[in-house]
N, C-alpha and C. Protein backbone atom coordinates (compact mmCIF):
# COMPACT_ATOMS: atom_id res chain seq x y z
N MET A 1 0.85 -1.16 0.00
CA MET A 1 0.00 0.00 0.00
C MET A 1 0.90 1.23 0.00
N SER A 2 1.01 1.83 -1.14
CA SER A 2 1.94 2.94 -1.24
C SER A 2 1.24 4.21 -1.69
N ASN A 3 1.88 5.31 -1.39
CA ASN A 3 1.39 6.61 -1.79
C ASN A 3 1.59 6.78 -3.29
N THR A 4 0.64 7.34 -3.97
CA THR A 4 0.80 7.57 -5.39
C THR A 4 1.33 8.96 -5.63
N SER A 5 1.93 9.13 -6.77
CA SER A 5 2.42 10.45 -7.13
C SER A 5 2.33 10.62 -8.63
N GLY A 6 2.43 11.84 -9.07
CA GLY A 6 2.50 12.14 -10.49
C GLY A 6 1.36 11.58 -11.30
N ALA A 7 1.71 10.89 -12.38
CA ALA A 7 0.72 10.40 -13.35
C ALA A 7 -0.27 9.43 -12.73
N HIS A 8 0.19 8.55 -11.83
CA HIS A 8 -0.74 7.58 -11.23
C HIS A 8 -1.87 8.29 -10.49
N LYS A 9 -1.56 9.33 -9.74
CA LYS A 9 -2.58 10.07 -9.00
C LYS A 9 -3.54 10.75 -9.97
N THR A 10 -3.01 11.38 -11.00
CA THR A 10 -3.84 12.05 -11.99
C THR A 10 -4.73 11.05 -12.71
N ASP A 11 -4.18 9.92 -13.12
CA ASP A 11 -4.97 8.89 -13.81
C ASP A 11 -6.08 8.37 -12.91
N PHE A 12 -5.76 8.16 -11.66
CA PHE A 12 -6.76 7.65 -10.72
C PHE A 12 -7.94 8.60 -10.61
N LEU A 13 -7.67 9.87 -10.45
CA LEU A 13 -8.73 10.85 -10.28
C LEU A 13 -9.56 11.04 -11.55
N LYS A 14 -9.00 10.73 -12.70
CA LYS A 14 -9.72 10.86 -13.97
C LYS A 14 -10.71 9.73 -14.21
N THR A 15 -10.66 8.68 -13.42
CA THR A 15 -11.52 7.53 -13.67
C THR A 15 -12.97 7.74 -13.25
N GLY A 16 -13.24 8.77 -12.50
CA GLY A 16 -14.62 9.07 -12.11
C GLY A 16 -14.95 8.53 -10.73
N ILE A 17 -15.44 9.40 -9.88
CA ILE A 17 -15.79 9.02 -8.51
C ILE A 17 -17.14 8.32 -8.50
N ARG A 18 -17.20 7.17 -7.82
CA ARG A 18 -18.43 6.40 -7.71
C ARG A 18 -18.99 6.37 -6.30
N ALA A 19 -18.12 6.56 -5.31
CA ALA A 19 -18.57 6.51 -3.92
C ALA A 19 -17.60 7.30 -3.04
N ILE A 20 -18.14 7.93 -2.00
CA ILE A 20 -17.32 8.67 -1.04
C ILE A 20 -17.90 8.42 0.35
N CYS A 21 -17.02 8.22 1.33
CA CYS A 21 -17.46 8.16 2.72
C CYS A 21 -16.29 8.54 3.62
N GLN A 22 -16.60 8.79 4.88
CA GLN A 22 -15.57 9.17 5.84
C GLN A 22 -15.63 8.23 7.02
N THR A 23 -14.46 7.71 7.40
CA THR A 23 -14.38 6.81 8.55
C THR A 23 -14.16 7.63 9.82
N PRO A 24 -14.46 7.05 10.99
CA PRO A 24 -14.34 7.79 12.25
C PRO A 24 -12.95 8.35 12.53
N ASP A 25 -11.91 7.77 11.92
CA ASP A 25 -10.55 8.27 12.12
C ASP A 25 -10.26 9.53 11.30
N GLY A 26 -11.27 10.00 10.54
CA GLY A 26 -11.14 11.24 9.79
C GLY A 26 -10.75 11.10 8.33
N TYR A 27 -10.39 9.89 7.91
CA TYR A 27 -10.02 9.70 6.51
C TYR A 27 -11.24 9.79 5.60
N LEU A 28 -11.04 10.40 4.46
CA LEU A 28 -12.05 10.43 3.42
C LEU A 28 -11.68 9.34 2.43
N TRP A 29 -12.61 8.45 2.13
CA TRP A 29 -12.39 7.34 1.21
C TRP A 29 -13.14 7.61 -0.08
N ILE A 30 -12.47 7.42 -1.20
CA ILE A 30 -13.04 7.70 -2.52
C ILE A 30 -12.90 6.46 -3.38
N GLY A 31 -14.03 5.96 -3.86
CA GLY A 31 -14.03 4.79 -4.73
C GLY A 31 -14.28 5.21 -6.17
N THR A 32 -13.47 4.68 -7.08
CA THR A 32 -13.61 4.98 -8.51
C THR A 32 -13.53 3.68 -9.30
N SER A 33 -13.62 3.77 -10.60
CA SER A 33 -13.45 2.58 -11.43
C SER A 33 -11.98 2.21 -11.55
N GLY A 34 -11.09 3.04 -10.99
CA GLY A 34 -9.66 2.76 -11.03
C GLY A 34 -9.07 2.39 -9.69
N GLY A 35 -9.90 2.21 -8.66
CA GLY A 35 -9.40 1.81 -7.36
C GLY A 35 -10.01 2.62 -6.23
N LEU A 36 -9.38 2.51 -5.08
CA LEU A 36 -9.84 3.14 -3.86
C LEU A 36 -8.76 4.09 -3.36
N ALA A 37 -9.15 5.28 -2.92
CA ALA A 37 -8.17 6.23 -2.40
C ALA A 37 -8.55 6.66 -1.00
N ARG A 38 -7.53 6.88 -0.18
CA ARG A 38 -7.71 7.43 1.16
C ARG A 38 -7.10 8.82 1.15
N PHE A 39 -7.87 9.80 1.61
CA PHE A 39 -7.39 11.18 1.63
C PHE A 39 -7.37 11.66 3.07
N ASP A 40 -6.22 12.19 3.50
CA ASP A 40 -6.08 12.65 4.88
C ASP A 40 -6.16 14.16 5.02
N GLY A 41 -6.52 14.85 3.94
CA GLY A 41 -6.58 16.30 3.95
C GLY A 41 -5.38 16.93 3.27
N VAL A 42 -4.33 16.13 3.07
CA VAL A 42 -3.12 16.62 2.43
C VAL A 42 -2.75 15.76 1.21
N ARG A 43 -2.76 14.46 1.38
CA ARG A 43 -2.33 13.58 0.29
C ARG A 43 -3.25 12.36 0.14
N PHE A 44 -3.20 11.81 -1.06
CA PHE A 44 -3.94 10.61 -1.39
C PHE A 44 -3.03 9.39 -1.27
N VAL A 45 -3.60 8.30 -0.78
CA VAL A 45 -2.97 6.99 -0.86
C VAL A 45 -3.95 6.13 -1.64
N VAL A 46 -3.46 5.56 -2.74
CA VAL A 46 -4.32 4.78 -3.63
C VAL A 46 -4.11 3.29 -3.38
N TYR A 47 -5.21 2.56 -3.30
CA TYR A 47 -5.20 1.11 -3.16
C TYR A 47 -5.81 0.55 -4.44
N ALA A 48 -5.05 -0.31 -5.11
CA ALA A 48 -5.50 -0.91 -6.37
C ALA A 48 -4.81 -2.26 -6.53
N ARG A 49 -5.15 -2.96 -7.60
CA ARG A 49 -4.57 -4.29 -7.83
C ARG A 49 -3.05 -4.27 -7.86
N TYR A 50 -2.46 -3.20 -8.36
CA TYR A 50 -1.01 -3.17 -8.51
C TYR A 50 -0.26 -3.07 -7.17
N ASN A 51 -0.95 -2.65 -6.09
CA ASN A 51 -0.25 -2.51 -4.81
C ASN A 51 -0.98 -3.13 -3.62
N THR A 52 -2.15 -3.71 -3.87
CA THR A 52 -2.95 -4.31 -2.80
C THR A 52 -3.42 -5.70 -3.26
N PRO A 53 -2.71 -6.75 -2.90
CA PRO A 53 -3.03 -8.10 -3.41
C PRO A 53 -4.45 -8.56 -3.16
N THR A 54 -5.07 -8.10 -2.08
CA THR A 54 -6.44 -8.52 -1.77
C THR A 54 -7.44 -8.00 -2.80
N MET A 55 -7.12 -6.89 -3.44
CA MET A 55 -8.02 -6.31 -4.43
C MET A 55 -7.81 -7.00 -5.77
N THR A 56 -8.81 -7.71 -6.23
CA THR A 56 -8.72 -8.38 -7.52
C THR A 56 -9.48 -7.61 -8.60
N ASP A 57 -10.14 -6.53 -8.21
CA ASP A 57 -10.87 -5.69 -9.16
C ASP A 57 -10.79 -4.25 -8.67
N ASP A 58 -10.36 -3.34 -9.53
CA ASP A 58 -10.22 -1.93 -9.17
C ASP A 58 -11.53 -1.15 -9.27
N ASN A 59 -12.54 -1.75 -9.83
CA ASN A 59 -13.80 -1.05 -10.10
C ASN A 59 -14.66 -1.03 -8.83
N ILE A 60 -14.57 0.06 -8.08
CA ILE A 60 -15.31 0.19 -6.82
C ILE A 60 -16.73 0.67 -7.10
N ARG A 61 -17.70 -0.05 -6.55
CA ARG A 61 -19.12 0.27 -6.77
C ARG A 61 -19.78 0.96 -5.59
N GLY A 62 -19.26 0.73 -4.37
CA GLY A 62 -19.89 1.34 -3.20
C GLY A 62 -19.00 1.24 -1.98
N LEU A 63 -19.24 2.13 -1.04
CA LEU A 63 -18.50 2.17 0.23
C LEU A 63 -19.48 2.38 1.36
N THR A 64 -19.21 1.78 2.50
CA THR A 64 -20.00 2.06 3.69
C THR A 64 -19.15 1.82 4.93
N VAL A 65 -19.42 2.58 5.96
CA VAL A 65 -18.70 2.45 7.21
C VAL A 65 -19.59 1.67 8.18
N ALA A 66 -19.02 0.64 8.78
CA ALA A 66 -19.74 -0.17 9.76
C ALA A 66 -19.78 0.54 11.11
N LYS A 67 -20.64 0.06 11.98
CA LYS A 67 -20.77 0.66 13.31
C LYS A 67 -19.46 0.60 14.09
N ASP A 68 -18.62 -0.38 13.80
CA ASP A 68 -17.33 -0.50 14.49
C ASP A 68 -16.24 0.37 13.88
N GLY A 69 -16.60 1.15 12.82
CA GLY A 69 -15.66 2.05 12.18
C GLY A 69 -14.89 1.45 11.03
N SER A 70 -15.06 0.17 10.77
CA SER A 70 -14.38 -0.46 9.64
C SER A 70 -15.06 -0.08 8.33
N LEU A 71 -14.37 -0.29 7.25
CA LEU A 71 -14.87 0.11 5.92
C LEU A 71 -15.19 -1.11 5.09
N TRP A 72 -16.38 -1.12 4.50
CA TRP A 72 -16.77 -2.16 3.54
C TRP A 72 -16.72 -1.56 2.14
N VAL A 73 -16.16 -2.33 1.22
CA VAL A 73 -15.94 -1.87 -0.15
C VAL A 73 -16.57 -2.86 -1.11
N ALA A 74 -17.54 -2.40 -1.90
CA ALA A 74 -18.17 -3.24 -2.92
C ALA A 74 -17.43 -3.05 -4.25
N THR A 75 -17.07 -4.17 -4.88
CA THR A 75 -16.39 -4.09 -6.18
C THR A 75 -17.28 -4.68 -7.27
N ASP A 76 -16.96 -4.35 -8.49
CA ASP A 76 -17.76 -4.83 -9.62
C ASP A 76 -17.50 -6.29 -9.92
N GLY A 77 -16.29 -6.78 -9.69
CA GLY A 77 -16.00 -8.17 -10.03
C GLY A 77 -15.08 -8.87 -9.07
N GLY A 78 -14.74 -8.23 -7.94
CA GLY A 78 -13.81 -8.84 -7.00
C GLY A 78 -14.41 -9.15 -5.65
N GLY A 79 -15.73 -9.18 -5.58
CA GLY A 79 -16.38 -9.49 -4.32
C GLY A 79 -16.44 -8.29 -3.39
N LEU A 80 -16.51 -8.58 -2.12
CA LEU A 80 -16.66 -7.56 -1.08
C LEU A 80 -15.37 -7.50 -0.26
N LEU A 81 -14.86 -6.29 -0.09
CA LEU A 81 -13.64 -6.08 0.70
C LEU A 81 -14.01 -5.48 2.05
N HIS A 82 -13.21 -5.82 3.05
CA HIS A 82 -13.43 -5.29 4.40
C HIS A 82 -12.10 -4.78 4.92
N LEU A 83 -12.03 -3.50 5.24
CA LEU A 83 -10.82 -2.90 5.80
C LEU A 83 -11.03 -2.67 7.28
N GLN A 84 -10.23 -3.37 8.08
CA GLN A 84 -10.33 -3.24 9.52
C GLN A 84 -8.92 -3.28 10.11
N ASP A 85 -8.63 -2.34 10.98
CA ASP A 85 -7.32 -2.26 11.64
C ASP A 85 -6.17 -2.21 10.63
N GLY A 86 -6.40 -1.53 9.51
CA GLY A 86 -5.35 -1.35 8.51
C GLY A 86 -5.12 -2.51 7.57
N HIS A 87 -5.96 -3.55 7.63
CA HIS A 87 -5.79 -4.73 6.78
C HIS A 87 -7.05 -5.01 5.98
N PHE A 88 -6.86 -5.33 4.70
CA PHE A 88 -7.97 -5.69 3.83
C PHE A 88 -8.21 -7.19 3.89
N GLY A 89 -9.48 -7.55 3.98
CA GLY A 89 -9.91 -8.93 3.83
C GLY A 89 -10.88 -8.96 2.66
N ARG A 90 -11.04 -10.11 2.03
CA ARG A 90 -11.96 -10.20 0.90
C ARG A 90 -12.94 -11.33 1.11
N LEU A 91 -14.20 -11.03 0.86
CA LEU A 91 -15.26 -12.03 0.89
C LEU A 91 -15.70 -12.25 -0.55
N ALA A 92 -15.30 -13.36 -1.12
CA ALA A 92 -15.67 -13.65 -2.50
C ALA A 92 -16.94 -14.50 -2.50
N PRO A 93 -17.92 -14.11 -3.28
CA PRO A 93 -19.14 -14.91 -3.37
C PRO A 93 -18.84 -16.30 -3.92
N THR A 94 -19.67 -17.27 -3.56
CA THR A 94 -19.46 -18.63 -4.04
C THR A 94 -19.97 -18.81 -5.47
N ARG A 95 -20.83 -17.95 -5.92
CA ARG A 95 -21.32 -18.05 -7.29
C ARG A 95 -20.33 -17.39 -8.24
N THR A 96 -20.52 -17.59 -9.52
CA THR A 96 -19.57 -17.09 -10.51
C THR A 96 -19.63 -15.58 -10.68
N ASP A 97 -20.76 -14.96 -10.41
CA ASP A 97 -20.89 -13.51 -10.52
C ASP A 97 -20.39 -12.89 -9.23
N LYS A 98 -19.24 -12.23 -9.26
CA LYS A 98 -18.63 -11.65 -8.07
C LYS A 98 -18.93 -10.17 -7.93
N ARG A 99 -19.92 -9.68 -8.63
CA ARG A 99 -20.29 -8.26 -8.55
C ARG A 99 -21.09 -7.99 -7.29
N VAL A 100 -20.71 -6.94 -6.62
CA VAL A 100 -21.47 -6.44 -5.48
C VAL A 100 -22.04 -5.11 -5.92
N ARG A 101 -23.34 -5.04 -6.02
CA ARG A 101 -23.97 -3.86 -6.60
C ARG A 101 -24.33 -2.78 -5.57
N ARG A 102 -24.55 -3.17 -4.32
CA ARG A 102 -25.02 -2.21 -3.34
C ARG A 102 -24.65 -2.66 -1.93
N LEU A 103 -24.45 -1.71 -1.05
CA LEU A 103 -24.20 -1.99 0.36
C LEU A 103 -25.30 -1.33 1.19
N ARG A 104 -25.67 -1.97 2.27
CA ARG A 104 -26.64 -1.39 3.21
C ARG A 104 -26.08 -1.43 4.60
N ASP A 105 -26.53 -0.48 5.41
CA ASP A 105 -26.10 -0.47 6.82
C ASP A 105 -26.69 -1.62 7.57
């Protein structure tokens, strides 16, 4: 999980924002068709297939914050991701369609 700079950051932001939420620790999370970004008010850290092995699809469809402050991430073809205590976990559906279209509280 590394900080992006230069062209990667610009390319990421050009992919179009699909979801935004804020976790209790103050981070702003932005989901796009090019991955997930965390913004701390100064810089972006991008999470995508190239730097986050748990992410098998960069196309983020939705974000929601759980009552415990963890982040749930819906992807178009990589199942459901869960970020808790700085670590991503992935819940892959058992069926062949791994698209997660919506998240609910």
